[in-house]
């Protein structure tokens, strides 16, 4: 069985972070493993508090997995601070996994800063050059580049500038813009739009985590990068279309829609 490792924060509400990552990996037929960098107390409304994990424990988690189990792909999410970024980057340089998908988690939907502003330089200088692919949304793109990105036309130049920071490829998610929810992929030579109609739902908690984990899972199964992002876009669109009305805030996507439908159908026969 192919495997994927997520290095990210835990979401007590189950819709984002480590929990969303492993659900997405499992739904796509890949064995998910985890390194927890932070524990968050959150629900569909807010992040109430964050406890960063001790650096030695983070490193031990990474080494415990890599020293024993083949890691076919790595997804990186919330890293919180420069010290955590340095530990993760150093470990990845040691083990050299083939695929590293970096979702630069910086700000939550509720406005909570999940990455210290002082850690942005460490993210750019230490982690992005190791990435096979980075998957920022529009606010994260703006934070990384220090400029506004308000249109699809501006996304082209943003992709080029992000690619110059060292990653193998860039996928800018366009969900924060108006109109359809189209993402732009750039591999240094060609641009590809991943198009999707905007789905009218507030239940989009964990979409970025889910998409990046789906990409990592697809790469673990030896797809090309373009195939990986295209299939992941299709997967997240289905998960959002059938999102779950849990809680009274932003509910989660439906990671196991096909399995839930099959299970519920069999029970009613």
Protein backbone atom coordinates (compact mmCIF):
# COMPACT_ATOMS: atom_id res chain seq x y z
CA UNK A 1 0.00 0.00 0.00
CA UNK A 2 1.18 3.52 -0.79
CA UNK A 3 1.66 5.91 2.12
CA UNK A 4 1.55 9.63 2.83
CA UNK A 5 2.70 11.58 5.88
CA UNK A 6 1.01 14.76 7.07
CA UNK A 7 2.98 17.20 9.21
CA UNK A 8 0.41 19.63 10.58
CA UNK A 9 -1.75 20.78 13.48
CA UNK A 10 -4.63 18.89 15.05
CA UNK A 11 -8.23 20.16 14.79
CA UNK A 12 -10.44 19.09 17.69
CA UNK A 13 -13.51 19.74 15.52
CA UNK A 14 -12.31 17.14 13.02
CA UNK A 15 -12.83 19.23 9.88
CA UNK A 16 -9.33 20.50 9.14
CA UNK A 17 -5.69 19.84 9.99
CA UNK A 18 -4.40 16.34 10.71
CA UNK A 19 -7.92 14.94 10.89
CA UNK A 20 -8.90 16.22 7.43
CA UNK A 21 -5.55 15.13 6.00
CA UNK A 22 -5.85 11.51 7.08
CA UNK A 23 -9.49 11.34 5.98
CA UNK A 24 -8.57 12.58 2.50
CA UNK A 25 -5.61 10.23 2.21
CA UNK A 26 -7.72 7.28 3.34
CA UNK A 27 -10.56 8.15 0.96
CA UNK A 28 -8.07 8.05 -1.92
CA UNK A 29 -6.68 4.66 -0.96
CA UNK A 30 -3.44 5.77 0.69
CA UNK A 31 -2.29 4.90 4.22
CA UNK A 32 -2.05 8.15 6.18
CA UNK A 33 0.50 8.86 8.92
CA UNK A 34 0.92 11.97 11.02
CA UNK A 35 3.33 14.29 12.79
CA UNK A 36 1.40 16.68 15.02
CA UNK A 37 2.99 20.13 15.30
CA UNK A 38 0.28 21.82 17.37
CA UNK A 39 -2.96 21.03 19.17
CA UNK A 40 -5.80 23.45 18.56
CA UNK A 41 -9.05 23.83 20.48
CA UNK A 42 -11.50 24.69 17.71
CA UNK A 43 -14.96 24.10 16.33
CA UNK A 44 -16.92 25.33 13.32
CA UNK A 45 -16.87 28.90 14.67
CA UNK A 46 -13.44 29.60 16.07
CA UNK A 47 -10.00 28.60 17.24
CA UNK A 48 -10.05 29.11 20.98
CA UNK A 49 -6.48 28.24 21.81
CA UNK A 50 -3.32 26.68 20.39
CA UNK A 51 -0.63 24.59 22.11
CA UNK A 52 2.52 24.15 20.06
CA UNK A 53 4.20 20.76 20.40
CA UNK A 54 7.72 20.58 21.82
CA UNK A 55 10.34 20.66 19.08
CA UNK A 56 12.02 17.46 20.25
CA UNK A 57 8.71 15.60 20.06
CA UNK A 58 8.09 16.90 16.53
CA UNK A 59 11.50 15.67 15.44
CA UNK A 60 11.00 12.32 17.17
CA UNK A 61 7.67 11.84 15.39
CA UNK A 62 9.27 12.49 12.00
CA UNK A 63 12.18 10.17 12.68
CA UNK A 64 9.95 7.43 14.09
CA UNK A 65 7.96 7.30 10.87
CA UNK A 66 10.82 7.63 8.39
CA UNK A 67 13.09 5.17 10.22
CA UNK A 68 10.49 2.42 9.97
CA UNK A 69 7.96 3.03 7.18
CA UNK A 70 8.33 3.94 3.52
CA UNK A 71 6.98 7.48 2.99
CA UNK A 72 5.76 7.96 -0.58
CA UNK A 73 4.65 11.58 -0.15
CA UNK A 74 4.61 14.30 2.50
CA UNK A 75 2.02 17.01 3.06
CA UNK A 76 2.92 19.96 5.29
CA UNK A 77 0.32 22.21 6.90
CA UNK A 78 0.39 24.29 10.08
CA UNK A 79 3.91 24.81 11.45
CA UNK A 80 3.22 27.82 13.73
CA UNK A 81 6.71 29.30 14.14
CA UNK A 82 10.23 29.55 12.74
CA UNK A 83 11.63 26.99 15.17
CA UNK A 84 9.17 24.35 14.02
CA UNK A 85 9.85 25.18 10.37
CA UNK A 86 13.59 24.75 10.95
CA UNK A 87 13.14 21.34 12.59
CA UNK A 88 10.85 20.11 9.81
CA UNK A 89 13.07 21.45 7.03
CA UNK A 90 16.19 19.89 8.53
CA UNK A 91 14.46 16.53 8.87
CA UNK A 92 13.19 16.60 5.29
CA UNK A 93 16.68 17.41 4.05
CA UNK A 94 17.88 14.33 5.92
CA UNK A 95 15.26 11.88 4.63
CA UNK A 96 14.68 13.44 1.19
CA UNK A 97 11.12 12.24 0.43
CA UNK A 98 10.28 12.27 -3.29
CA UNK A 99 7.18 14.45 -2.98
CA UNK A 100 6.61 17.34 -0.57
CA UNK A 101 3.35 19.31 -0.82
CA UNK A 102 3.41 22.50 1.25
CA UNK A 103 0.12 24.16 2.17
CA UNK A 104 1.38 27.42 3.75
CA UNK A 105 -1.26 27.62 6.49
CA UNK A 106 -1.06 31.17 7.82
CA UNK A 107 -4.50 32.51 8.81
CA UNK A 108 -7.69 30.64 9.72
CA UNK A 109 -11.11 31.49 8.30
CA UNK A 110 -11.87 33.27 11.56
CA UNK A 111 -8.75 35.43 11.30
CA UNK A 112 -6.59 33.52 13.79
CA UNK A 113 -2.89 33.69 12.91
CA UNK A 114 -1.66 30.09 12.63
CA UNK A 115 1.83 31.12 11.54
CA UNK A 116 3.71 33.82 13.41
CA UNK A 117 4.45 36.77 11.15
CA UNK A 118 8.10 36.53 12.16
CA UNK A 119 8.19 32.99 10.73
CA UNK A 120 7.32 33.94 7.15
CA UNK A 121 10.99 34.38 6.22
CA UNK A 122 11.80 30.92 7.55
CA UNK A 123 8.94 29.48 5.52
CA UNK A 124 10.18 31.18 2.34
CA UNK A 125 13.89 30.47 2.84
CA UNK A 126 13.88 27.02 4.47
CA UNK A 127 10.74 25.20 3.37
CA UNK A 128 9.50 26.47 0.01
CA UNK A 129 12.73 25.48 -1.79
CA UNK A 130 12.19 21.89 -0.60
CA UNK A 131 8.62 21.73 -1.88
CA UNK A 132 7.52 19.74 -4.90
CA UNK A 133 4.40 21.90 -4.90
CA UNK A 134 3.00 24.77 -2.83
CA UNK A 135 -0.76 25.42 -2.56
CA UNK A 136 -1.43 28.92 -1.16
CA UNK A 137 -4.84 30.56 -1.29
CA UNK A 138 -5.18 34.23 -2.23
CA UNK A 139 -4.58 35.71 1.28
CA UNK A 140 -1.55 33.45 1.74
CA UNK A 141 -0.25 34.42 -1.69
CA UNK A 142 -0.59 38.08 -0.75
CA UNK A 143 1.23 37.51 2.54
CA UNK A 144 4.09 35.66 0.85
CA UNK A 145 4.51 38.27 -1.91
CA UNK A 146 3.64 41.39 0.08
CA UNK A 147 1.22 42.62 -2.55
CA UNK A 148 -2.45 42.47 -3.48
CA UNK A 149 -3.79 39.75 -5.78
CA UNK A 150 -7.37 40.59 -6.70
CA UNK A 151 -7.94 39.14 -10.17
CA UNK A 152 -7.26 36.00 -12.16
CA UNK A 153 -4.93 38.00 -14.39
CA UNK A 154 -2.84 38.92 -11.34
CA UNK A 155 -2.63 35.25 -10.40
CA UNK A 156 -0.38 34.58 -13.41
CA UNK A 157 2.34 36.93 -12.23
CA UNK A 158 1.90 35.73 -8.64
CA UNK A 159 2.55 32.16 -9.78
CA UNK A 160 5.76 33.22 -11.48
CA UNK A 161 6.97 35.11 -8.40
CA UNK A 162 6.16 32.21 -6.08
CA UNK A 163 7.92 29.77 -8.40
CA UNK A 164 11.04 31.95 -8.14
CA UNK A 165 11.08 31.21 -4.39
CA UNK A 166 12.16 27.66 -5.20
CA UNK A 167 9.27 25.19 -5.23
CA UNK A 168 8.94 22.74 -8.10
CA UNK A 169 5.44 23.97 -8.95
CA UNK A 170 2.74 26.35 -7.71
CA UNK A 171 -1.03 25.99 -7.32
CA UNK A 172 -2.79 29.22 -6.32
CA UNK A 173 -6.32 28.56 -5.09
CA UNK A 174 -8.81 31.14 -6.35
CA UNK A 175 -11.67 30.50 -3.97
CA UNK A 176 -11.31 33.90 -2.29
CA UNK A 177 -11.96 35.75 -5.54
CA UNK A 178 -15.43 36.45 -6.92
CA UNK A 179 -16.99 34.29 -9.61
CA UNK A 180 -16.15 30.64 -10.14
CA UNK A 181 -13.72 28.82 -7.86
CA UNK A 182 -10.85 28.38 -10.33
CA UNK A 183 -7.29 27.49 -9.32
CA UNK A 184 -4.15 28.22 -11.34
CA UNK A 185 -1.33 25.68 -11.65
CA UNK A 186 2.14 26.62 -12.88
CA UNK A 187 5.11 24.28 -13.28
CA UNK A 188 7.65 26.84 -14.46
CA UNK A 189 6.77 26.40 -18.12
CA UNK A 190 3.02 26.00 -18.57
CA UNK A 191 -0.09 27.34 -16.86
CA UNK A 192 -3.21 25.23 -16.36
CA UNK A 193 -6.56 26.41 -14.99
CA UNK A 194 -8.40 23.95 -12.78
CA UNK A 195 -11.96 25.15 -13.15
CA UNK A 196 -14.99 24.58 -10.93
CA UNK A 197 -18.30 26.32 -10.44
CA UNK A 198 -18.66 28.05 -7.09
CA UNK A 199 -20.77 25.94 -4.75
CA UNK A 200 -23.26 27.81 -2.59
CA UNK A 201 -22.43 26.55 0.89
CA UNK A 202 -20.83 27.91 4.04
CA UNK A 203 -19.52 24.45 4.92
CA UNK A 204 -15.98 24.77 3.61
CA UNK A 205 -13.94 24.20 6.75
CA UNK A 206 -10.72 22.36 5.93
CA UNK A 207 -10.88 22.68 2.14
CA UNK A 208 -7.23 23.73 1.82
CA UNK A 209 -6.02 20.93 4.07
CA UNK A 210 -8.12 18.42 2.17
CA UNK A 211 -6.97 19.56 -1.27
CA UNK A 212 -3.26 19.48 -0.43
CA UNK A 213 -3.60 16.07 1.21
CA UNK A 214 -5.45 14.74 -1.80
CA UNK A 215 -2.63 15.98 -4.03
CA UNK A 216 -0.05 14.26 -1.80
CA UNK A 217 -2.08 11.04 -1.89
CA UNK A 218 -2.25 11.13 -5.67
CA UNK A 219 1.51 11.75 -5.92
CA UNK A 220 2.09 8.80 -3.58
CA UNK A 221 0.29 6.69 -6.18
CA UNK A 222 2.80 7.83 -8.83
CA UNK A 223 0.57 10.14 -10.86
CA UNK A 224 2.13 13.09 -12.66
CA UNK A 225 1.90 16.43 -10.89
CA UNK A 226 -0.74 17.74 -13.30
CA UNK A 227 -2.78 14.57 -12.85
CA UNK A 228 -2.40 14.85 -9.08
CA UNK A 229 -3.75 18.40 -8.88
CA UNK A 230 -6.49 17.73 -11.44
CA UNK A 231 -7.79 14.65 -9.61
CA UNK A 232 -7.52 16.42 -6.25
CA UNK A 233 -9.55 19.36 -7.58
CA UNK A 234 -12.26 16.95 -8.66
CA UNK A 235 -12.19 15.25 -5.26
CA UNK A 236 -12.47 18.47 -3.22
CA UNK A 237 -15.26 19.75 -5.48
CA UNK A 238 -17.27 16.62 -4.73
CA UNK A 239 -16.48 16.91 -1.01
CA UNK A 240 -17.69 20.53 -0.96
CA UNK A 241 -20.77 19.78 -3.08
CA UNK A 242 -21.85 17.22 -0.46
CA UNK A 243 -20.45 19.08 2.56
CA UNK A 244 -21.77 18.27 6.02
CA UNK A 245 -24.07 20.52 8.04
CA UNK A 246 -22.32 19.94 11.35
CA UNK A 247 -22.14 22.69 13.94
CA UNK A 248 -23.61 26.16 13.49
CA UNK A 249 -20.57 27.76 11.83
CA UNK A 250 -18.50 26.63 8.84
CA UNK A 251 -19.09 22.90 8.66
CA UNK A 252 -16.63 20.39 7.17
CA UNK A 253 -16.40 18.93 3.70
CA UNK A 254 -17.54 15.36 3.09
CA UNK A 255 -14.31 13.39 2.72
CA UNK A 256 -16.03 10.01 2.41
CA UNK A 257 -19.10 10.97 0.38
CA UNK A 258 -18.97 7.91 -1.89
CA UNK A 259 -18.45 5.52 1.04
CA UNK A 260 -21.20 7.16 3.12
CA UNK A 261 -23.62 6.89 0.21
CA UNK A 262 -22.77 3.22 -0.28
CA UNK A 263 -23.05 2.42 3.44
CA UNK A 264 -26.37 4.25 3.87
CA UNK A 265 -27.76 2.70 0.69
CA UNK A 266 -26.95 -0.82 1.84
CA UNK A 267 -28.65 -0.23 5.21
CA UNK A 268 -31.89 0.81 3.55
CA UNK A 269 -32.16 -2.16 1.21
